[in-house]
Amino acid sequence: MGLFSFIKGAGQKLFGKKEEAVAEVADNRTAAERKIDALKAEIARLGLPVSDLSIELAEQVIVTGATDTNANREKIILALGNVEGVACVDDNISVTSPEPESTFHTVASGDTLSKISKTVYGDPMKYELIFEANKPMLTHPDKIYPGQILRIPPQMA
């Protein structure tokens, strides 16, 4: 549990801007309520298992709920934080079966999963560990972008 920082101007575009005023009149919900619904829909779309999911918008996204592993908890944090317009995620997710936590890496211009793997593990061919650790947010090893935050799992012996 803690506070995680993200690059506010990078990430998936879940929130509309120009349509917000029209949509607010049409469905009687505030922009914040629509953003919360969009974030919850993204978690559901990715199939990330979490019970009692609650998301609040303040200065940052505040997420609470329960899941079975740290890996799922970290994926939920990244799914919420790697959204354009989100700068911070306050994690209050409880984990029923904790395991070692991953570290996070911010993708820089010119980074590839192989390059990151060589830096972290000393072997560029272990990029699959990073790719698998970031599914379902990543759909292909080459589809990463500067500013994106990735999970880097601990290397197994």
Protein backbone atom coordinates (compact mmCIF):
# COMPACT_ATOMS: atom_id res chain seq x y z
CA MET A 1 0.00 0.00 0.00
CA GLY A 2 1.26 3.44 -0.80
CA LEU A 3 1.36 6.32 -3.19
CA PHE A 4 2.56 5.75 -6.77
CA SER A 5 3.50 8.57 -9.16
CA PHE A 6 2.87 8.55 -12.90
CA ILE A 7 3.42 10.93 -15.80
CA LYS A 8 0.13 12.80 -16.11
CA GLY A 9 0.52 13.56 -19.83
CA ALA A 10 1.33 9.98 -20.88
CA GLY A 11 -0.89 6.96 -21.10
CA GLN A 12 -4.07 5.55 -22.48
CA LYS A 13 -6.71 8.10 -23.35
CA LEU A 14 -9.78 7.01 -21.38
CA PHE A 15 -11.15 10.45 -20.56
CA GLY A 16 -12.79 12.61 -23.20
CA LYS A 17 -12.32 16.36 -22.96
CA LYS A 18 -14.47 18.18 -25.51
CA GLU A 19 -17.47 15.91 -25.04
CA GLU A 20 -17.54 16.25 -21.24
CA ALA A 21 -19.85 19.25 -21.03
CA VAL A 22 -22.37 17.72 -23.46
CA ALA A 23 -22.21 14.32 -21.75
CA GLU A 24 -22.69 15.84 -18.29
CA VAL A 25 -25.96 17.42 -19.41
CA ALA A 26 -27.06 14.23 -21.21
CA ASP A 27 -26.54 11.75 -18.37
CA ASN A 28 -26.67 13.96 -15.25
CA ARG A 29 -23.28 12.70 -14.01
CA THR A 30 -20.29 14.84 -13.22
CA ALA A 31 -17.01 14.56 -15.11
CA ALA A 32 -15.47 12.92 -12.04
CA GLU A 33 -18.19 10.26 -11.95
CA ARG A 34 -17.67 9.50 -15.66
CA LYS A 35 -13.89 9.24 -15.10
CA ILE A 36 -14.41 6.82 -12.21
CA ASP A 37 -16.74 4.72 -14.39
CA ALA A 38 -14.11 4.73 -17.18
CA LEU A 39 -11.39 3.57 -14.77
CA LYS A 40 -13.60 0.80 -13.38
CA ALA A 41 -14.49 -0.27 -16.92
CA GLU A 42 -10.78 -0.47 -17.80
CA ILE A 43 -10.10 -2.77 -14.81
CA ALA A 44 -13.04 -4.95 -15.90
CA ARG A 45 -11.93 -4.94 -19.56
CA LEU A 46 -8.48 -6.15 -18.54
CA GLY A 47 -10.05 -8.91 -16.44
CA LEU A 48 -8.06 -7.98 -13.33
CA PRO A 49 -9.50 -9.82 -10.32
CA VAL A 50 -10.50 -7.46 -7.52
CA SER A 51 -13.39 -7.57 -5.08
CA ASP A 52 -15.07 -4.59 -3.43
CA LEU A 53 -13.41 -2.22 -5.92
CA SER A 54 -13.78 1.42 -4.99
CA ILE A 55 -12.21 4.33 -6.85
CA GLU A 56 -12.24 7.94 -5.71
CA LEU A 57 -10.88 11.01 -7.46
CA ALA A 58 -9.24 13.69 -5.35
CA GLU A 59 -5.78 15.08 -6.00
CA GLN A 60 -5.02 11.53 -7.08
CA VAL A 61 -6.87 8.30 -7.84
CA ILE A 62 -7.61 6.47 -4.58
CA VAL A 63 -8.24 2.76 -5.07
CA THR A 64 -9.43 0.24 -2.49
CA GLY A 65 -10.45 -3.38 -2.76
CA ALA A 66 -9.05 -6.86 -2.29
CA THR A 67 -7.21 -9.24 -4.59
CA ASP A 68 -5.31 -12.48 -4.20
CA THR A 69 -1.72 -11.55 -5.23
CA ASN A 70 0.70 -8.62 -5.28
CA ALA A 71 0.96 -9.15 -9.04
CA ASN A 72 -2.76 -8.42 -9.45
CA ARG A 73 -2.51 -5.45 -7.06
CA GLU A 74 0.41 -4.01 -9.05
CA LYS A 75 -1.42 -4.53 -12.36
CA ILE A 76 -4.46 -2.67 -11.02
CA ILE A 77 -2.22 0.23 -9.91
CA LEU A 78 -0.55 0.34 -13.34
CA ALA A 79 -3.84 0.04 -15.22
CA LEU A 80 -5.12 3.10 -13.33
CA GLY A 81 -1.88 5.08 -13.40
CA ASN A 82 -0.98 4.55 -17.05
CA VAL A 83 -3.97 6.65 -18.08
CA GLU A 84 -3.54 10.13 -19.50
CA GLY A 85 -4.55 12.66 -16.85
CA VAL A 86 -3.63 10.48 -13.85
CA ALA A 87 -0.54 11.64 -11.96
CA CYS A 88 -0.85 9.62 -8.75
CA VAL A 89 -2.49 6.43 -7.48
CA ASP A 90 -3.06 5.98 -3.75
CA ASP A 91 -3.13 2.21 -3.26
CA ASN A 92 -5.31 0.80 -0.49
CA ILE A 93 -5.74 -2.67 -1.99
CA SER A 94 -5.40 -5.59 0.39
CA VAL A 95 -3.74 -8.82 -0.77
CA THR A 96 -4.85 -12.20 0.58
CA SER A 97 -1.79 -14.24 -0.56
CA PRO A 98 1.18 -11.85 -0.76
CA GLU A 99 4.37 -12.76 -2.60
CA PRO A 100 7.50 -10.70 -3.36
CA GLU A 101 6.70 -7.32 -4.86
CA SER A 102 7.90 -6.18 -8.25
CA THR A 103 9.81 -3.00 -8.93
CA PHE A 104 8.54 -0.43 -11.41
CA HIS A 105 10.37 1.00 -14.43
CA THR A 106 9.47 4.16 -16.35
CA VAL A 107 9.98 3.60 -20.07
CA ALA A 108 12.40 6.12 -21.62
CA SER A 109 12.67 7.05 -25.28
CA GLY A 110 14.57 4.29 -27.07
CA ASP A 111 13.75 1.63 -24.48
CA THR A 112 12.75 -1.87 -25.56
CA LEU A 113 11.80 -4.75 -23.33
CA SER A 114 15.10 -6.41 -24.31
CA LYS A 115 17.09 -3.32 -23.32
CA ILE A 116 15.25 -3.07 -19.99
CA SER A 117 15.77 -6.80 -19.42
CA LYS A 118 19.52 -6.49 -20.07
CA THR A 119 19.74 -3.62 -17.57
CA VAL A 120 17.66 -5.33 -14.88
CA TYR A 121 18.51 -9.02 -15.30
CA GLY A 122 21.77 -8.84 -17.26
CA ASP A 123 20.17 -10.82 -20.09
CA PRO A 124 18.18 -9.25 -22.96
CA MET A 125 16.47 -12.56 -23.69
CA LYS A 126 14.56 -12.39 -20.39
CA TYR A 127 12.32 -9.67 -21.86
CA GLU A 128 9.50 -12.25 -21.83
CA LEU A 129 9.46 -12.08 -18.01
CA ILE A 130 8.68 -8.37 -18.23
CA PHE A 131 6.17 -8.85 -21.04
CA GLU A 132 4.30 -11.60 -19.13
CA ALA A 133 4.36 -9.53 -15.93
CA ASN A 134 2.56 -6.69 -17.71
CA LYS A 135 -0.18 -8.67 -19.44
CA PRO A 136 -3.01 -7.88 -20.13
CA MET A 137 -1.97 -4.20 -20.26
CA LEU A 138 0.67 -5.07 -22.87
CA THR A 139 -0.57 -6.92 -25.92
CA HIS A 140 2.79 -7.08 -27.77
CA PRO A 141 6.41 -6.72 -26.58
CA ASP A 142 7.00 -3.85 -29.01
CA LYS A 143 4.01 -1.79 -27.87
CA ILE A 144 5.55 0.27 -25.08
CA TYR A 145 5.83 4.06 -25.00
CA PRO A 146 7.93 6.69 -23.20
CA GLY A 147 6.44 7.56 -19.82
CA GLN A 148 4.71 4.20 -19.41
CA ILE A 149 5.36 2.46 -16.09
CA LEU A 150 6.05 -1.28 -16.25
CA ARG A 151 6.20 -4.02 -13.61
CA ILE A 152 9.62 -5.64 -13.30
CA PRO A 153 9.18 -8.95 -11.48
CA PRO A 154 11.94 -10.29 -9.25
CA GLN A 155 14.19 -12.72 -11.10
CA MET A 156 13.55 -16.27 -10.03
CA ALA A 157 16.61 -18.34 -9.12
